[in-house]
Amino acid sequence: LKISKGPQLIMMPDLGGRPEGEAVEELKSLGFQVEVQRAHHDTIPQGKVISTTPAPGTSLGKGQKITLTVSMGPAYAVCPRCSGRGTITIKQTCPECDGTGTCFT
């Protein structure tokens, strides 16, 4: 008679700040399914991992889905038509110069 101990659990690594490709490769090598979502972040550079779901340190079985949130960089940029007089978002018109975005001067 053999009694199962259940599935082998693997601890979720801390991937914060690592490049997307490196993080995806590591998770797949551990046997996880990976889904990537993107979000703006003011301090984490574009292409780097912001967070994971589930959180680092969580014990998981092989085949479970991990969601990586990867930075798209800041949501604001310097308005090219204002020559740097303000920062803009991508979605509205700059009141300062009529360029793309909302100018925060």
N, C-alpha and C. Protein backbone atom coordinates (compact mmCIF):
# COMPACT_ATOMS: atom_id res chain seq x y z
N LEU A 1 0.85 -1.18 0.00
CA LEU A 1 0.00 0.00 0.00
C LEU A 1 0.90 1.24 0.00
N LYS A 2 0.65 2.15 -0.95
CA LYS A 2 1.39 3.41 -1.00
C LYS A 2 0.41 4.54 -0.82
N ILE A 3 0.78 5.50 -0.01
CA ILE A 3 -0.06 6.66 0.22
C ILE A 3 0.62 7.87 -0.39
N SER A 4 -0.10 8.58 -1.22
CA SER A 4 0.45 9.76 -1.89
C SER A 4 0.70 10.88 -0.91
N LYS A 5 1.78 11.58 -1.13
CA LYS A 5 2.07 12.78 -0.34
C LYS A 5 1.53 14.02 -1.05
N GLY A 6 0.85 13.82 -2.17
CA GLY A 6 0.32 14.94 -2.95
C GLY A 6 1.35 15.42 -3.94
N PRO A 7 1.02 16.47 -4.68
CA PRO A 7 1.95 16.97 -5.69
C PRO A 7 3.17 17.62 -5.04
N GLN A 8 4.29 17.56 -5.77
CA GLN A 8 5.50 18.23 -5.29
C GLN A 8 5.28 19.73 -5.40
N LEU A 9 5.51 20.44 -4.33
CA LEU A 9 5.31 21.89 -4.32
C LEU A 9 6.63 22.61 -4.61
N ILE A 10 6.51 23.70 -5.35
CA ILE A 10 7.66 24.52 -5.72
C ILE A 10 7.41 25.92 -5.18
N MET A 11 8.43 26.52 -4.57
CA MET A 11 8.27 27.87 -4.03
C MET A 11 8.41 28.90 -5.15
N MET A 12 7.46 29.82 -5.19
CA MET A 12 7.46 30.88 -6.18
C MET A 12 8.66 31.79 -5.93
N PRO A 13 9.54 31.95 -6.95
CA PRO A 13 10.72 32.82 -6.76
C PRO A 13 10.35 34.31 -6.81
N ASP A 14 11.23 35.13 -6.26
CA ASP A 14 11.06 36.59 -6.33
C ASP A 14 11.69 37.05 -7.64
N LEU A 15 10.87 37.53 -8.56
CA LEU A 15 11.34 37.93 -9.89
C LEU A 15 11.27 39.44 -10.09
N GLY A 16 10.94 40.18 -9.06
CA GLY A 16 10.80 41.63 -9.15
C GLY A 16 12.05 42.29 -9.71
N GLY A 17 11.87 43.14 -10.75
CA GLY A 17 12.97 43.88 -11.34
C GLY A 17 13.76 43.11 -12.39
N ARG A 18 13.45 41.83 -12.58
CA ARG A 18 14.18 41.04 -13.58
C ARG A 18 13.59 41.27 -14.97
N PRO A 19 14.38 41.07 -16.03
CA PRO A 19 13.87 41.22 -17.39
C PRO A 19 12.76 40.20 -17.68
N GLU A 20 11.77 40.62 -18.46
CA GLU A 20 10.62 39.77 -18.77
C GLU A 20 11.03 38.39 -19.29
N GLY A 21 11.89 38.35 -20.31
CA GLY A 21 12.28 37.08 -20.92
C GLY A 21 12.92 36.12 -19.93
N GLU A 22 13.79 36.65 -19.09
CA GLU A 22 14.48 35.85 -18.08
C GLU A 22 13.47 35.28 -17.08
N ALA A 23 12.52 36.10 -16.65
CA ALA A 23 11.51 35.67 -15.68
C ALA A 23 10.60 34.59 -16.28
N VAL A 24 10.16 34.80 -17.52
CA VAL A 24 9.29 33.82 -18.19
C VAL A 24 10.03 32.48 -18.33
N GLU A 25 11.28 32.54 -18.75
CA GLU A 25 12.08 31.33 -18.93
C GLU A 25 12.23 30.57 -17.61
N GLU A 26 12.51 31.28 -16.54
CA GLU A 26 12.67 30.62 -15.23
C GLU A 26 11.38 29.95 -14.79
N LEU A 27 10.26 30.65 -14.92
CA LEU A 27 8.98 30.07 -14.50
C LEU A 27 8.62 28.85 -15.32
N LYS A 28 8.84 28.91 -16.63
CA LYS A 28 8.54 27.75 -17.49
C LYS A 28 9.44 26.57 -17.14
N SER A 29 10.71 26.85 -16.81
CA SER A 29 11.63 25.76 -16.44
C SER A 29 11.21 25.09 -15.13
N LEU A 30 10.50 25.82 -14.28
CA LEU A 30 9.99 25.27 -13.02
C LEU A 30 8.67 24.51 -13.22
N GLY A 31 8.12 24.59 -14.45
CA GLY A 31 6.90 23.85 -14.76
C GLY A 31 5.62 24.65 -14.64
N PHE A 32 5.71 25.96 -14.56
CA PHE A 32 4.53 26.81 -14.45
C PHE A 32 4.05 27.27 -15.82
N GLN A 33 2.76 27.59 -15.91
CA GLN A 33 2.22 28.28 -17.07
C GLN A 33 2.37 29.77 -16.79
N VAL A 34 2.68 30.56 -17.81
CA VAL A 34 2.96 31.98 -17.60
C VAL A 34 2.04 32.83 -18.45
N GLU A 35 1.43 33.81 -17.80
CA GLU A 35 0.63 34.84 -18.48
C GLU A 35 1.29 36.17 -18.17
N VAL A 36 1.45 37.02 -19.19
CA VAL A 36 2.08 38.32 -19.00
C VAL A 36 1.04 39.42 -19.18
N GLN A 37 1.00 40.33 -18.24
CA GLN A 37 0.19 41.54 -18.40
C GLN A 37 1.13 42.73 -18.24
N ARG A 38 0.72 43.85 -18.79
CA ARG A 38 1.60 45.04 -18.77
C ARG A 38 0.90 46.19 -18.05
N ALA A 39 1.73 47.02 -17.39
CA ALA A 39 1.21 48.18 -16.67
C ALA A 39 2.29 49.25 -16.64
N HIS A 40 1.86 50.49 -16.59
CA HIS A 40 2.81 51.60 -16.43
C HIS A 40 3.35 51.60 -15.01
N HIS A 41 4.61 52.01 -14.87
CA HIS A 41 5.22 52.14 -13.54
C HIS A 41 6.23 53.27 -13.60
N ASP A 42 6.18 54.16 -12.61
CA ASP A 42 7.04 55.34 -12.61
C ASP A 42 8.51 55.05 -12.35
N THR A 43 8.83 53.99 -11.59
CA THR A 43 10.22 53.76 -11.22
C THR A 43 10.83 52.48 -11.79
N ILE A 44 10.02 51.52 -12.20
CA ILE A 44 10.56 50.28 -12.75
C ILE A 44 10.65 50.43 -14.27
N PRO A 45 11.83 50.23 -14.85
CA PRO A 45 12.02 50.44 -16.28
C PRO A 45 11.18 49.49 -17.15
N GLN A 46 10.92 49.93 -18.35
CA GLN A 46 10.17 49.14 -19.32
C GLN A 46 10.82 47.77 -19.51
N GLY A 47 9.98 46.72 -19.54
CA GLY A 47 10.47 45.37 -19.78
C GLY A 47 10.89 44.61 -18.54
N LYS A 48 10.82 45.25 -17.37
CA LYS A 48 11.20 44.60 -16.11
C LYS A 48 9.94 44.19 -15.35
N VAL A 49 10.05 43.12 -14.55
CA VAL A 49 8.91 42.61 -13.78
C VAL A 49 8.59 43.53 -12.62
N ILE A 50 7.30 43.91 -12.54
CA ILE A 50 6.80 44.72 -11.41
C ILE A 50 6.40 43.78 -10.28
N SER A 51 5.61 42.75 -10.61
CA SER A 51 5.09 41.84 -9.59
C SER A 51 4.67 40.52 -10.21
N THR A 52 4.38 39.56 -9.33
CA THR A 52 3.85 38.26 -9.75
C THR A 52 2.62 37.93 -8.93
N THR A 53 1.73 37.17 -9.54
CA THR A 53 0.58 36.62 -8.82
C THR A 53 0.55 35.14 -9.14
N PRO A 54 0.67 34.30 -8.12
CA PRO A 54 0.81 34.53 -6.70
C PRO A 54 2.14 35.19 -6.33
N ALA A 55 2.20 35.64 -5.09
CA ALA A 55 3.36 36.38 -4.58
C ALA A 55 4.57 35.46 -4.38
N PRO A 56 5.77 36.04 -4.39
CA PRO A 56 6.97 35.25 -4.09
C PRO A 56 6.85 34.57 -2.73
N GLY A 57 7.41 33.35 -2.66
CA GLY A 57 7.37 32.59 -1.41
C GLY A 57 6.17 31.67 -1.30
N THR A 58 5.19 31.79 -2.21
CA THR A 58 4.02 30.93 -2.20
C THR A 58 4.41 29.55 -2.73
N SER A 59 3.93 28.49 -2.09
CA SER A 59 4.19 27.13 -2.55
C SER A 59 3.11 26.73 -3.55
N LEU A 60 3.56 26.27 -4.74
CA LEU A 60 2.63 25.96 -5.82
C LEU A 60 2.97 24.62 -6.45
N GLY A 61 1.97 23.99 -7.07
CA GLY A 61 2.19 22.76 -7.80
C GLY A 61 2.56 23.06 -9.24
N LYS A 62 3.27 22.14 -9.88
CA LYS A 62 3.63 22.30 -11.29
C LYS A 62 2.36 22.46 -12.11
N GLY A 63 2.48 23.26 -13.18
CA GLY A 63 1.36 23.47 -14.09
C GLY A 63 0.46 24.62 -13.70
N GLN A 64 0.64 25.19 -12.52
CA GLN A 64 -0.20 26.31 -12.12
C GLN A 64 0.14 27.55 -12.93
N LYS A 65 -0.86 28.43 -13.09
CA LYS A 65 -0.68 29.66 -13.87
C LYS A 65 -0.10 30.75 -12.98
N ILE A 66 0.94 31.41 -13.49
CA ILE A 66 1.57 32.55 -12.84
C ILE A 66 1.32 33.77 -13.74
N THR A 67 0.91 34.87 -13.14
CA THR A 67 0.74 36.11 -13.90
C THR A 67 1.90 37.05 -13.55
N LEU A 68 2.65 37.42 -14.59
CA LEU A 68 3.73 38.40 -14.43
C LEU A 68 3.19 39.76 -14.85
N THR A 69 3.39 40.77 -14.05
CA THR A 69 3.07 42.13 -14.45
C THR A 69 4.39 42.79 -14.82
N VAL A 70 4.47 43.23 -16.09
CA VAL A 70 5.71 43.78 -16.64
C VAL A 70 5.53 45.27 -16.92
N SER A 71 6.54 46.06 -16.58
CA SER A 71 6.47 47.51 -16.73
C SER A 71 6.49 47.96 -18.19
N MET A 72 5.66 48.94 -18.48
CA MET A 72 5.70 49.65 -19.76
C MET A 72 6.42 50.98 -19.59
N GLY A 73 7.05 51.17 -18.43
CA GLY A 73 7.71 52.44 -18.14
C GLY A 73 6.70 53.44 -17.61
N PRO A 74 7.11 54.68 -17.44
CA PRO A 74 6.20 55.71 -16.90
C PRO A 74 5.04 56.00 -17.85
N ALA A 75 3.92 56.40 -17.29
CA ALA A 75 2.75 56.77 -18.09
C ALA A 75 2.89 58.18 -18.62
N TYR A 76 3.87 58.91 -18.12
CA TYR A 76 4.06 60.30 -18.52
C TYR A 76 5.36 60.42 -19.30
N ALA A 77 5.39 61.38 -20.19
CA ALA A 77 6.59 61.64 -20.99
C ALA A 77 6.72 63.14 -21.17
N VAL A 78 7.86 63.58 -21.64
CA VAL A 78 8.06 65.00 -21.93
C VAL A 78 7.32 65.31 -23.22
N CYS A 79 6.51 66.36 -23.22
CA CYS A 79 5.75 66.74 -24.41
C CYS A 79 6.72 67.24 -25.49
N PRO A 80 6.76 66.56 -26.64
CA PRO A 80 7.71 66.96 -27.68
C PRO A 80 7.38 68.32 -28.30
N ARG A 81 6.12 68.71 -28.32
CA ARG A 81 5.74 70.00 -28.91
C ARG A 81 6.02 71.16 -27.97
N CYS A 82 6.08 70.90 -26.67
CA CYS A 82 6.39 71.95 -25.69
C CYS A 82 7.90 72.07 -25.49
N SER A 83 8.65 71.22 -26.15
CA SER A 83 10.11 71.18 -25.99
C SER A 83 10.51 70.99 -24.53
N GLY A 84 9.76 70.12 -23.83
CA GLY A 84 10.13 69.79 -22.46
C GLY A 84 9.57 70.71 -21.40
N ARG A 85 8.64 71.62 -21.73
CA ARG A 85 8.07 72.50 -20.71
C ARG A 85 7.12 71.76 -19.78
N GLY A 86 6.67 70.58 -20.19
CA GLY A 86 5.76 69.82 -19.34
C GLY A 86 5.78 68.35 -19.69
N THR A 87 5.19 67.54 -18.83
CA THR A 87 5.06 66.11 -19.12
C THR A 87 3.63 65.85 -19.56
N ILE A 88 3.44 64.80 -20.32
CA ILE A 88 2.13 64.51 -20.87
C ILE A 88 1.74 63.07 -20.65
N THR A 89 0.43 62.81 -20.71
CA THR A 89 -0.06 61.45 -20.82
C THR A 89 -0.43 61.26 -22.28
N ILE A 90 -0.61 60.03 -22.67
CA ILE A 90 -0.82 59.73 -24.07
C ILE A 90 -2.26 60.01 -24.53
N LYS A 91 -3.21 60.13 -23.62
CA LYS A 91 -4.62 60.07 -24.01
C LYS A 91 -5.32 61.41 -24.26
N GLN A 92 -4.76 62.54 -23.94
CA GLN A 92 -5.47 63.81 -24.11
C GLN A 92 -4.58 64.83 -24.83
N THR A 93 -5.16 65.98 -25.15
CA THR A 93 -4.41 67.04 -25.84
C THR A 93 -3.77 67.97 -24.83
N CYS A 94 -2.53 68.34 -25.08
CA CYS A 94 -1.78 69.22 -24.20
C CYS A 94 -2.36 70.64 -24.28
N PRO A 95 -2.83 71.21 -23.16
CA PRO A 95 -3.40 72.56 -23.18
C PRO A 95 -2.32 73.63 -23.41
N GLU A 96 -1.08 73.27 -23.19
CA GLU A 96 0.03 74.20 -23.34
C GLU A 96 0.37 74.44 -24.80
N CYS A 97 0.30 73.38 -25.63
CA CYS A 97 0.79 73.51 -26.99
C CYS A 97 -0.09 72.80 -28.04
N ASP A 98 -1.17 72.16 -27.60
CA ASP A 98 -2.05 71.39 -28.48
C ASP A 98 -1.43 70.08 -28.95
N GLY A 99 -0.34 69.67 -28.33
CA GLY A 99 0.30 68.39 -28.66
C GLY A 99 -0.49 67.24 -28.03
N THR A 100 -0.03 66.04 -28.25
CA THR A 100 -0.69 64.87 -27.69
C THR A 100 -0.41 64.79 -26.20
N GLY A 101 -1.45 64.63 -25.42
CA GLY A 101 -1.30 64.41 -23.98
C GLY A 101 -1.75 65.60 -23.14
N THR A 102 -1.77 65.43 -21.85
CA THR A 102 -2.11 66.48 -20.92
C THR A 102 -0.83 67.03 -20.34
N CYS A 103 -0.61 68.31 -20.49
CA CYS A 103 0.64 68.92 -20.06
C CYS A 103 0.56 69.28 -18.57
N PHE A 104 1.53 68.84 -17.79
CA PHE A 104 1.58 69.15 -16.36
C PHE A 104 2.70 70.15 -16.13
N THR A 105 2.49 71.40 -16.50
CA THR A 105 3.53 72.42 -16.35
C THR A 105 3.37 73.17 -15.05
